[in-house]
C-alpha cells in the first residue's frame, strides 16, 4: 500500500470513528473555524489541496470539538470537483479553532504528499472554491437542550 492510500485510510478511519462521538455531547456554534480540504483518487496521481479558509458560524460538539456535518463539508469539495469533470475523488476536511494549529496540520499533510513519488499536487484557491458553513438539522439542536 503506497503512502497516499495509507494516509487516506487513516484519515477516513478517524472520520468514521469520530462521527459517532458527538452523539452524547452538546453542540454549539463557534464564531469561526479554520479549515482546508484534500481530494485524491486512487485512479490518478493528482491530489488537490484547498487553501486554508475561515468558515463563519460552524457547529462543533463541546465534548471533543468535533465538527458537526463534517461529511457534508467534504461533499462540498467533492461536488465542486465533480462539476469540473473530476469525479470519484475521496475528499476530506481538516479543521481547527486556531489558525496556527491548522497551518501546522496543512504543512504536515502537504509535506507527506510532496514526498510521494509520481504524485502531483494542485492547489485550489479561495477564489475558486470556498466552504460554506452548515447549520445542523433542527432536531440535533432541539435534542441537545
N, C-alpha and C. Protein backbone atom coordinates (compact mmCIF):
# COMPACT_ATOMS: atom_id res chain seq x y z
N UNK A 1 0.86 -1.18 0.00
CA UNK A 1 0.00 0.00 0.00
C UNK A 1 0.90 1.23 0.00
N UNK A 2 0.68 2.15 -0.97
CA UNK A 2 1.55 3.31 -1.01
C UNK A 2 1.15 4.34 0.04
N UNK A 3 1.96 5.36 0.17
CA UNK A 3 1.78 6.35 1.23
C UNK A 3 0.44 7.07 1.14
N UNK A 4 0.02 7.45 -0.05
CA UNK A 4 -1.24 8.20 -0.17
C UNK A 4 -2.43 7.36 0.26
N UNK A 5 -2.42 6.08 -0.07
CA UNK A 5 -3.51 5.21 0.34
C UNK A 5 -3.50 5.01 1.85
N UNK A 6 -2.32 4.91 2.44
CA UNK A 6 -2.20 4.75 3.88
C UNK A 6 -2.71 5.99 4.61
N UNK A 7 -2.35 7.16 4.11
CA UNK A 7 -2.79 8.40 4.73
C UNK A 7 -4.30 8.51 4.67
N UNK A 8 -4.88 8.27 3.49
CA UNK A 8 -6.33 8.38 3.36
C UNK A 8 -7.04 7.33 4.20
N UNK A 9 -6.52 6.12 4.27
CA UNK A 9 -7.15 5.09 5.09
C UNK A 9 -7.17 5.51 6.55
N UNK A 10 -6.09 6.09 7.02
CA UNK A 10 -6.01 6.55 8.40
C UNK A 10 -7.00 7.69 8.65
N UNK A 11 -7.01 8.66 7.76
CA UNK A 11 -7.90 9.80 7.93
C UNK A 11 -9.36 9.36 7.89
N UNK A 12 -9.70 8.49 6.96
CA UNK A 12 -11.09 8.03 6.85
C UNK A 12 -11.51 7.23 8.08
N UNK A 13 -10.61 6.44 8.63
CA UNK A 13 -10.92 5.68 9.84
C UNK A 13 -11.23 6.62 11.00
N UNK A 14 -10.43 7.66 11.15
CA UNK A 14 -10.65 8.63 12.21
C UNK A 14 -11.97 9.36 12.00
N UNK A 15 -12.27 9.72 10.74
CA UNK A 15 -13.51 10.43 10.45
C UNK A 15 -14.73 9.57 10.77
N UNK A 16 -14.72 8.33 10.33
CA UNK A 16 -15.87 7.45 10.55
C UNK A 16 -16.02 7.13 12.03
N UNK A 17 -14.94 6.82 12.70
CA UNK A 17 -15.00 6.51 14.13
C UNK A 17 -15.42 7.72 14.94
N UNK A 18 -14.93 8.89 14.58
CA UNK A 18 -15.26 10.10 15.30
C UNK A 18 -16.68 10.57 15.07
N UNK A 19 -17.30 10.17 13.97
CA UNK A 19 -18.66 10.58 13.64
C UNK A 19 -19.63 10.21 14.75
N UNK A 20 -19.39 9.11 15.43
CA UNK A 20 -20.31 8.65 16.46
C UNK A 20 -20.01 9.26 17.83
N UNK A 21 -18.89 9.94 17.96
CA UNK A 21 -18.51 10.50 19.25
C UNK A 21 -19.37 11.68 19.67
N UNK A 22 -19.95 12.40 18.71
CA UNK A 22 -20.68 13.59 19.10
C UNK A 22 -22.12 13.29 19.49
N UNK A 23 -22.54 12.05 19.43
CA UNK A 23 -23.92 11.71 19.74
C UNK A 23 -24.30 12.07 21.18
N UNK A 24 -23.39 11.96 22.14
CA UNK A 24 -23.73 12.23 23.53
C UNK A 24 -23.28 13.62 23.99
N UNK A 25 -22.67 14.38 23.13
CA UNK A 25 -22.17 15.69 23.52
C UNK A 25 -23.15 16.79 23.10
N UNK A 26 -23.03 17.92 23.74
CA UNK A 26 -23.83 19.09 23.38
C UNK A 26 -23.16 19.77 22.18
N UNK A 27 -23.98 20.34 21.32
CA UNK A 27 -23.40 21.03 20.18
C UNK A 27 -23.51 22.53 20.39
N UNK A 28 -22.55 23.25 19.83
CA UNK A 28 -22.53 24.71 19.97
C UNK A 28 -21.99 25.33 18.70
N UNK A 29 -22.39 26.56 18.48
CA UNK A 29 -21.92 27.31 17.32
C UNK A 29 -20.70 28.13 17.76
N UNK A 30 -19.64 28.04 16.98
CA UNK A 30 -18.45 28.85 17.25
C UNK A 30 -18.37 29.93 16.17
N UNK A 31 -17.82 31.09 16.51
CA UNK A 31 -17.79 32.19 15.54
C UNK A 31 -17.08 31.84 14.23
N UNK A 32 -15.99 31.09 14.32
CA UNK A 32 -15.29 30.68 13.10
C UNK A 32 -14.35 29.53 13.38
N UNK A 33 -14.09 28.80 12.31
CA UNK A 33 -13.07 27.75 12.33
C UNK A 33 -12.16 28.00 11.13
N UNK A 34 -11.03 27.33 11.13
CA UNK A 34 -10.10 27.37 10.01
C UNK A 34 -10.04 25.96 9.44
N UNK A 35 -10.11 25.87 8.12
CA UNK A 35 -10.19 24.54 7.51
C UNK A 35 -9.55 24.52 6.13
N UNK A 36 -9.19 23.30 5.73
CA UNK A 36 -8.76 23.07 4.35
C UNK A 36 -9.25 21.69 3.94
N UNK A 37 -9.32 21.48 2.64
CA UNK A 37 -9.76 20.20 2.11
C UNK A 37 -8.68 19.55 1.27
N UNK A 38 -8.74 18.23 1.21
CA UNK A 38 -7.83 17.44 0.39
C UNK A 38 -8.68 16.47 -0.41
N UNK A 39 -8.35 16.32 -1.68
CA UNK A 39 -9.09 15.40 -2.54
C UNK A 39 -8.11 14.58 -3.36
N UNK A 40 -8.35 13.28 -3.41
CA UNK A 40 -7.49 12.39 -4.17
C UNK A 40 -8.32 11.26 -4.76
N UNK A 41 -7.77 10.65 -5.75
CA UNK A 41 -8.39 9.49 -6.37
C UNK A 41 -7.32 8.40 -6.45
N UNK A 42 -7.73 7.18 -6.21
CA UNK A 42 -6.78 6.08 -6.32
C UNK A 42 -6.52 5.73 -7.78
N UNK A 43 -7.26 6.37 -8.68
CA UNK A 43 -7.11 6.08 -10.11
C UNK A 43 -6.22 7.07 -10.85
N UNK A 44 -5.78 8.12 -10.18
CA UNK A 44 -4.81 9.01 -10.81
C UNK A 44 -3.85 9.57 -9.77
N UNK A 45 -2.86 10.29 -10.23
CA UNK A 45 -1.77 10.70 -9.35
C UNK A 45 -1.85 12.17 -8.93
N UNK A 46 -3.01 12.79 -9.05
CA UNK A 46 -3.14 14.19 -8.66
C UNK A 46 -3.92 14.31 -7.36
N UNK A 47 -3.37 15.08 -6.43
CA UNK A 47 -4.02 15.36 -5.16
C UNK A 47 -4.29 16.86 -5.13
N UNK A 48 -5.52 17.22 -4.76
CA UNK A 48 -5.93 18.62 -4.72
C UNK A 48 -6.01 19.10 -3.27
N UNK A 49 -5.45 20.28 -3.02
CA UNK A 49 -5.50 20.92 -1.71
C UNK A 49 -6.19 22.28 -1.85
N UNK A 50 -7.18 22.54 -1.00
CA UNK A 50 -7.74 23.88 -0.97
C UNK A 50 -6.83 24.75 -0.13
N UNK A 51 -6.99 26.06 -0.29
CA UNK A 51 -6.33 26.99 0.63
C UNK A 51 -6.93 26.80 2.02
N UNK A 52 -6.22 27.24 3.02
CA UNK A 52 -6.80 27.32 4.37
C UNK A 52 -7.84 28.44 4.33
N UNK A 53 -9.02 28.14 4.87
CA UNK A 53 -10.13 29.08 4.80
C UNK A 53 -10.74 29.30 6.17
N UNK A 54 -11.31 30.49 6.36
CA UNK A 54 -12.12 30.76 7.54
C UNK A 54 -13.56 30.39 7.20
N UNK A 55 -14.19 29.66 8.09
CA UNK A 55 -15.61 29.33 7.93
C UNK A 55 -16.32 29.93 9.13
N UNK A 56 -17.25 30.84 8.84
CA UNK A 56 -18.00 31.51 9.91
C UNK A 56 -19.15 30.64 10.41
N UNK A 57 -19.41 30.73 11.70
CA UNK A 57 -20.57 30.08 12.34
C UNK A 57 -20.62 28.58 12.11
N UNK A 58 -19.56 27.91 12.45
CA UNK A 58 -19.52 26.45 12.35
C UNK A 58 -20.02 25.83 13.66
N UNK A 59 -20.52 24.62 13.57
CA UNK A 59 -21.07 23.94 14.74
C UNK A 59 -20.14 22.79 15.13
N UNK A 60 -19.84 22.72 16.41
CA UNK A 60 -18.99 21.65 16.93
C UNK A 60 -19.64 21.09 18.19
N UNK A 61 -19.18 19.90 18.62
CA UNK A 61 -19.67 19.43 19.92
C UNK A 61 -18.72 19.95 20.99
N UNK A 62 -19.26 20.10 22.19
CA UNK A 62 -18.45 20.69 23.25
C UNK A 62 -17.61 19.66 24.00
N UNK A 63 -17.80 18.39 23.69
CA UNK A 63 -17.05 17.35 24.38
C UNK A 63 -15.63 17.21 23.82
N UNK A 64 -15.53 17.16 22.49
CA UNK A 64 -14.20 16.96 21.90
C UNK A 64 -13.95 17.86 20.69
N UNK A 65 -14.77 18.91 20.55
CA UNK A 65 -14.63 19.87 19.45
C UNK A 65 -14.68 19.21 18.07
N UNK A 66 -15.52 18.19 17.92
CA UNK A 66 -15.69 17.53 16.63
C UNK A 66 -16.63 18.36 15.76
N UNK A 67 -16.27 18.56 14.50
CA UNK A 67 -17.06 19.37 13.58
C UNK A 67 -18.34 18.63 13.18
N UNK A 68 -19.49 19.25 13.43
CA UNK A 68 -20.77 18.68 13.06
C UNK A 68 -20.93 18.78 11.53
N UNK A 69 -21.45 17.74 10.93
CA UNK A 69 -21.66 17.67 9.47
C UNK A 69 -20.34 17.70 8.69
N UNK A 70 -19.33 17.15 9.27
CA UNK A 70 -18.02 17.12 8.62
C UNK A 70 -18.09 16.46 7.25
N UNK A 71 -18.90 15.41 7.14
CA UNK A 71 -19.04 14.74 5.85
C UNK A 71 -19.65 15.66 4.80
N UNK A 72 -20.56 16.54 5.22
CA UNK A 72 -21.17 17.47 4.27
C UNK A 72 -20.18 18.50 3.76
N UNK A 73 -19.24 18.90 4.59
CA UNK A 73 -18.18 19.80 4.12
C UNK A 73 -17.33 19.09 3.07
N UNK A 74 -17.04 17.82 3.31
CA UNK A 74 -16.26 17.05 2.33
C UNK A 74 -17.02 16.94 1.01
N UNK A 75 -18.34 16.77 1.11
CA UNK A 75 -19.15 16.69 -0.12
C UNK A 75 -19.16 18.01 -0.88
N UNK A 76 -19.03 19.13 -0.20
CA UNK A 76 -18.93 20.40 -0.92
C UNK A 76 -17.75 20.39 -1.87
N UNK A 77 -16.61 19.92 -1.37
CA UNK A 77 -15.41 19.83 -2.21
C UNK A 77 -15.58 18.78 -3.30
N UNK A 78 -16.13 17.65 -2.93
CA UNK A 78 -16.36 16.57 -3.90
C UNK A 78 -17.26 17.05 -5.04
N UNK A 79 -18.34 17.75 -4.71
CA UNK A 79 -19.25 18.25 -5.73
C UNK A 79 -18.61 19.32 -6.61
N UNK A 80 -17.79 20.17 -6.01
CA UNK A 80 -17.07 21.18 -6.78
C UNK A 80 -16.17 20.50 -7.83
N UNK A 81 -15.41 19.52 -7.40
CA UNK A 81 -14.51 18.82 -8.32
C UNK A 81 -15.29 18.03 -9.38
N UNK A 82 -16.39 17.40 -8.98
CA UNK A 82 -17.21 16.67 -9.94
C UNK A 82 -17.75 17.61 -11.01
N UNK A 83 -18.08 18.83 -10.62
CA UNK A 83 -18.55 19.83 -11.57
C UNK A 83 -17.49 20.23 -12.58
N UNK A 84 -16.25 19.99 -12.25
CA UNK A 84 -15.13 20.27 -13.16
C UNK A 84 -14.74 19.02 -13.95
N UNK A 85 -15.52 17.95 -13.80
CA UNK A 85 -15.22 16.71 -14.51
C UNK A 85 -14.24 15.81 -13.77
N UNK A 86 -13.94 16.14 -12.53
CA UNK A 86 -13.01 15.35 -11.72
C UNK A 86 -13.82 14.52 -10.72
N UNK A 87 -14.41 13.47 -11.21
CA UNK A 87 -15.29 12.64 -10.39
C UNK A 87 -14.51 11.57 -9.64
N UNK A 88 -15.19 10.94 -8.73
CA UNK A 88 -14.67 9.80 -7.97
C UNK A 88 -13.45 10.17 -7.13
N UNK A 89 -13.52 11.30 -6.49
CA UNK A 89 -12.46 11.74 -5.58
C UNK A 89 -12.86 11.43 -4.15
N UNK A 90 -11.90 11.05 -3.36
CA UNK A 90 -12.10 10.91 -1.92
C UNK A 90 -11.69 12.25 -1.32
N UNK A 91 -12.62 12.90 -0.61
CA UNK A 91 -12.37 14.24 -0.09
C UNK A 91 -12.46 14.23 1.43
N UNK A 92 -11.59 15.00 2.04
CA UNK A 92 -11.61 15.16 3.49
C UNK A 92 -11.49 16.64 3.82
N UNK A 93 -11.92 16.99 5.00
CA UNK A 93 -11.73 18.34 5.51
C UNK A 93 -10.99 18.20 6.84
N UNK A 94 -10.06 19.09 7.04
CA UNK A 94 -9.36 19.16 8.32
C UNK A 94 -9.60 20.56 8.86
N UNK A 95 -9.86 20.68 10.15
CA UNK A 95 -10.18 21.99 10.71
C UNK A 95 -9.55 22.16 12.08
N UNK A 96 -9.55 23.41 12.51
CA UNK A 96 -9.09 23.75 13.85
C UNK A 96 -9.76 25.05 14.27
N UNK A 97 -9.83 25.26 15.56
CA UNK A 97 -10.36 26.52 16.08
C UNK A 97 -9.29 27.61 16.05
N UNK A 98 -8.03 27.22 15.87
CA UNK A 98 -6.93 28.18 15.86
C UNK A 98 -6.20 28.13 14.53
N UNK A 99 -5.92 29.28 13.98
CA UNK A 99 -5.25 29.36 12.68
C UNK A 99 -3.85 28.73 12.74
N UNK A 100 -3.14 28.95 13.81
CA UNK A 100 -1.79 28.40 13.95
C UNK A 100 -1.82 26.87 13.87
N UNK A 101 -2.81 26.25 14.52
CA UNK A 101 -2.92 24.79 14.52
C UNK A 101 -3.24 24.24 13.13
N UNK A 102 -4.12 24.90 12.39
CA UNK A 102 -4.48 24.40 11.06
C UNK A 102 -3.30 24.57 10.10
N UNK A 103 -2.53 25.61 10.28
CA UNK A 103 -1.36 25.80 9.43
C UNK A 103 -0.35 24.67 9.62
N UNK A 104 -0.20 24.21 10.86
CA UNK A 104 0.70 23.08 11.14
C UNK A 104 0.18 21.80 10.49
N UNK A 105 -1.15 21.54 10.62
CA UNK A 105 -1.75 20.36 10.00
C UNK A 105 -1.59 20.39 8.49
N UNK A 106 -1.85 21.55 7.90
CA UNK A 106 -1.77 21.73 6.46
C UNK A 106 -0.36 21.41 5.95
N UNK A 107 0.61 21.99 6.62
CA UNK A 107 2.01 21.79 6.23
C UNK A 107 2.40 20.32 6.36
N UNK A 108 2.00 19.68 7.44
CA UNK A 108 2.35 18.28 7.69
C UNK A 108 1.77 17.36 6.62
N UNK A 109 0.47 17.52 6.32
CA UNK A 109 -0.16 16.64 5.33
C UNK A 109 0.39 16.92 3.93
N UNK A 110 0.54 18.19 3.60
CA UNK A 110 1.04 18.54 2.26
C UNK A 110 2.47 18.03 2.07
N UNK A 111 3.29 18.12 3.10
CA UNK A 111 4.67 17.62 3.01
C UNK A 111 4.70 16.11 2.81
N UNK A 112 3.77 15.37 3.45
CA UNK A 112 3.73 13.91 3.25
C UNK A 112 3.41 13.58 1.80
N UNK A 113 2.47 14.29 1.22
CA UNK A 113 2.15 14.04 -0.19
C UNK A 113 3.28 14.47 -1.11
N UNK A 114 3.94 15.58 -0.79
CA UNK A 114 5.03 16.09 -1.62
C UNK A 114 6.19 15.10 -1.69
N UNK A 115 6.37 14.29 -0.65
CA UNK A 115 7.46 13.32 -0.62
C UNK A 115 7.14 12.05 -1.41
N UNK A 116 5.88 11.88 -1.79
CA UNK A 116 5.47 10.68 -2.52
C UNK A 116 5.84 10.82 -3.99
N UNK A 117 6.54 9.84 -4.50
CA UNK A 117 6.95 9.85 -5.91
C UNK A 117 5.76 9.79 -6.84
N UNK A 118 5.91 10.40 -7.99
CA UNK A 118 4.91 10.36 -9.06
C UNK A 118 3.54 10.89 -8.62
N UNK A 119 3.53 11.83 -7.72
CA UNK A 119 2.28 12.41 -7.25
C UNK A 119 2.30 13.91 -7.54
N UNK A 120 1.25 14.39 -8.18
CA UNK A 120 1.11 15.81 -8.50
C UNK A 120 0.21 16.46 -7.47
N UNK A 121 0.61 17.63 -6.99
CA UNK A 121 -0.21 18.38 -6.06
C UNK A 121 -0.70 19.63 -6.76
N UNK A 122 -2.01 19.83 -6.70
CA UNK A 122 -2.61 21.03 -7.30
C UNK A 122 -3.37 21.77 -6.21
N UNK A 123 -3.23 23.09 -6.24
CA UNK A 123 -3.89 23.93 -5.25
C UNK A 123 -5.20 24.48 -5.81
N UNK A 124 -6.18 24.56 -4.94
CA UNK A 124 -7.47 25.18 -5.26
C UNK A 124 -7.57 26.43 -4.38
N UNK A 125 -7.61 27.59 -5.00
CA UNK A 125 -7.60 28.84 -4.24
C UNK A 125 -8.97 29.14 -3.66
N UNK A 126 -8.99 30.08 -2.73
CA UNK A 126 -10.25 30.53 -2.11
C UNK A 126 -11.18 31.14 -3.15
N UNK A 127 -10.60 31.74 -4.18
CA UNK A 127 -11.42 32.34 -5.23
C UNK A 127 -12.10 31.28 -6.10
N UNK A 128 -11.50 30.11 -6.19
CA UNK A 128 -12.08 29.02 -6.98
C UNK A 128 -13.13 28.24 -6.20
N UNK A 129 -12.86 28.03 -4.93
CA UNK A 129 -13.76 27.22 -4.09
C UNK A 129 -13.68 27.72 -2.66
N UNK A 130 -14.84 27.78 -2.01
CA UNK A 130 -14.88 28.17 -0.60
C UNK A 130 -15.94 27.33 0.11
N UNK A 131 -15.58 26.78 1.26
CA UNK A 131 -16.54 26.03 2.06
C UNK A 131 -17.63 26.97 2.58
N UNK A 132 -18.84 26.46 2.66
CA UNK A 132 -19.98 27.20 3.20
C UNK A 132 -20.37 26.55 4.52
N UNK A 133 -20.61 27.38 5.54
CA UNK A 133 -21.00 26.87 6.86
C UNK A 133 -22.28 26.07 6.76
N UNK A 134 -22.35 25.00 7.53
CA UNK A 134 -23.52 24.12 7.55
C UNK A 134 -24.12 24.15 8.95
N UNK A 135 -25.39 24.53 9.00
CA UNK A 135 -26.12 24.50 10.27
C UNK A 135 -26.67 23.10 10.45
N UNK A 136 -26.52 22.52 11.64
CA UNK A 136 -27.05 21.16 11.85
C UNK A 136 -28.57 21.14 11.76
N UNK A 137 -29.10 19.97 11.52
CA UNK A 137 -30.55 19.82 11.48
C UNK A 137 -31.15 20.31 12.79
N UNK A 138 -32.36 20.87 12.69
CA UNK A 138 -33.03 21.41 13.88
C UNK A 138 -33.20 20.37 14.98
N UNK A 139 -33.45 19.11 14.59
CA UNK A 139 -33.65 18.10 15.62
C UNK A 139 -32.39 17.86 16.44
N UNK A 140 -31.21 18.07 15.86
CA UNK A 140 -29.97 17.92 16.64
C UNK A 140 -29.87 19.03 17.67
N UNK A 141 -30.23 20.24 17.26
CA UNK A 141 -30.17 21.38 18.18
C UNK A 141 -31.22 21.23 19.27
N UNK A 142 -32.44 20.86 18.90
CA UNK A 142 -33.53 20.73 19.87
C UNK A 142 -33.26 19.62 20.87
N UNK A 143 -32.76 18.49 20.41
CA UNK A 143 -32.48 17.36 21.31
C UNK A 143 -31.29 17.62 22.20
N UNK A 144 -30.56 18.65 21.91
CA UNK A 144 -29.36 18.97 22.65
C UNK A 144 -29.66 19.82 23.89
N UNK A 145 -30.85 20.36 23.96
CA UNK A 145 -31.19 21.27 25.07
C UNK A 145 -31.49 20.53 26.34
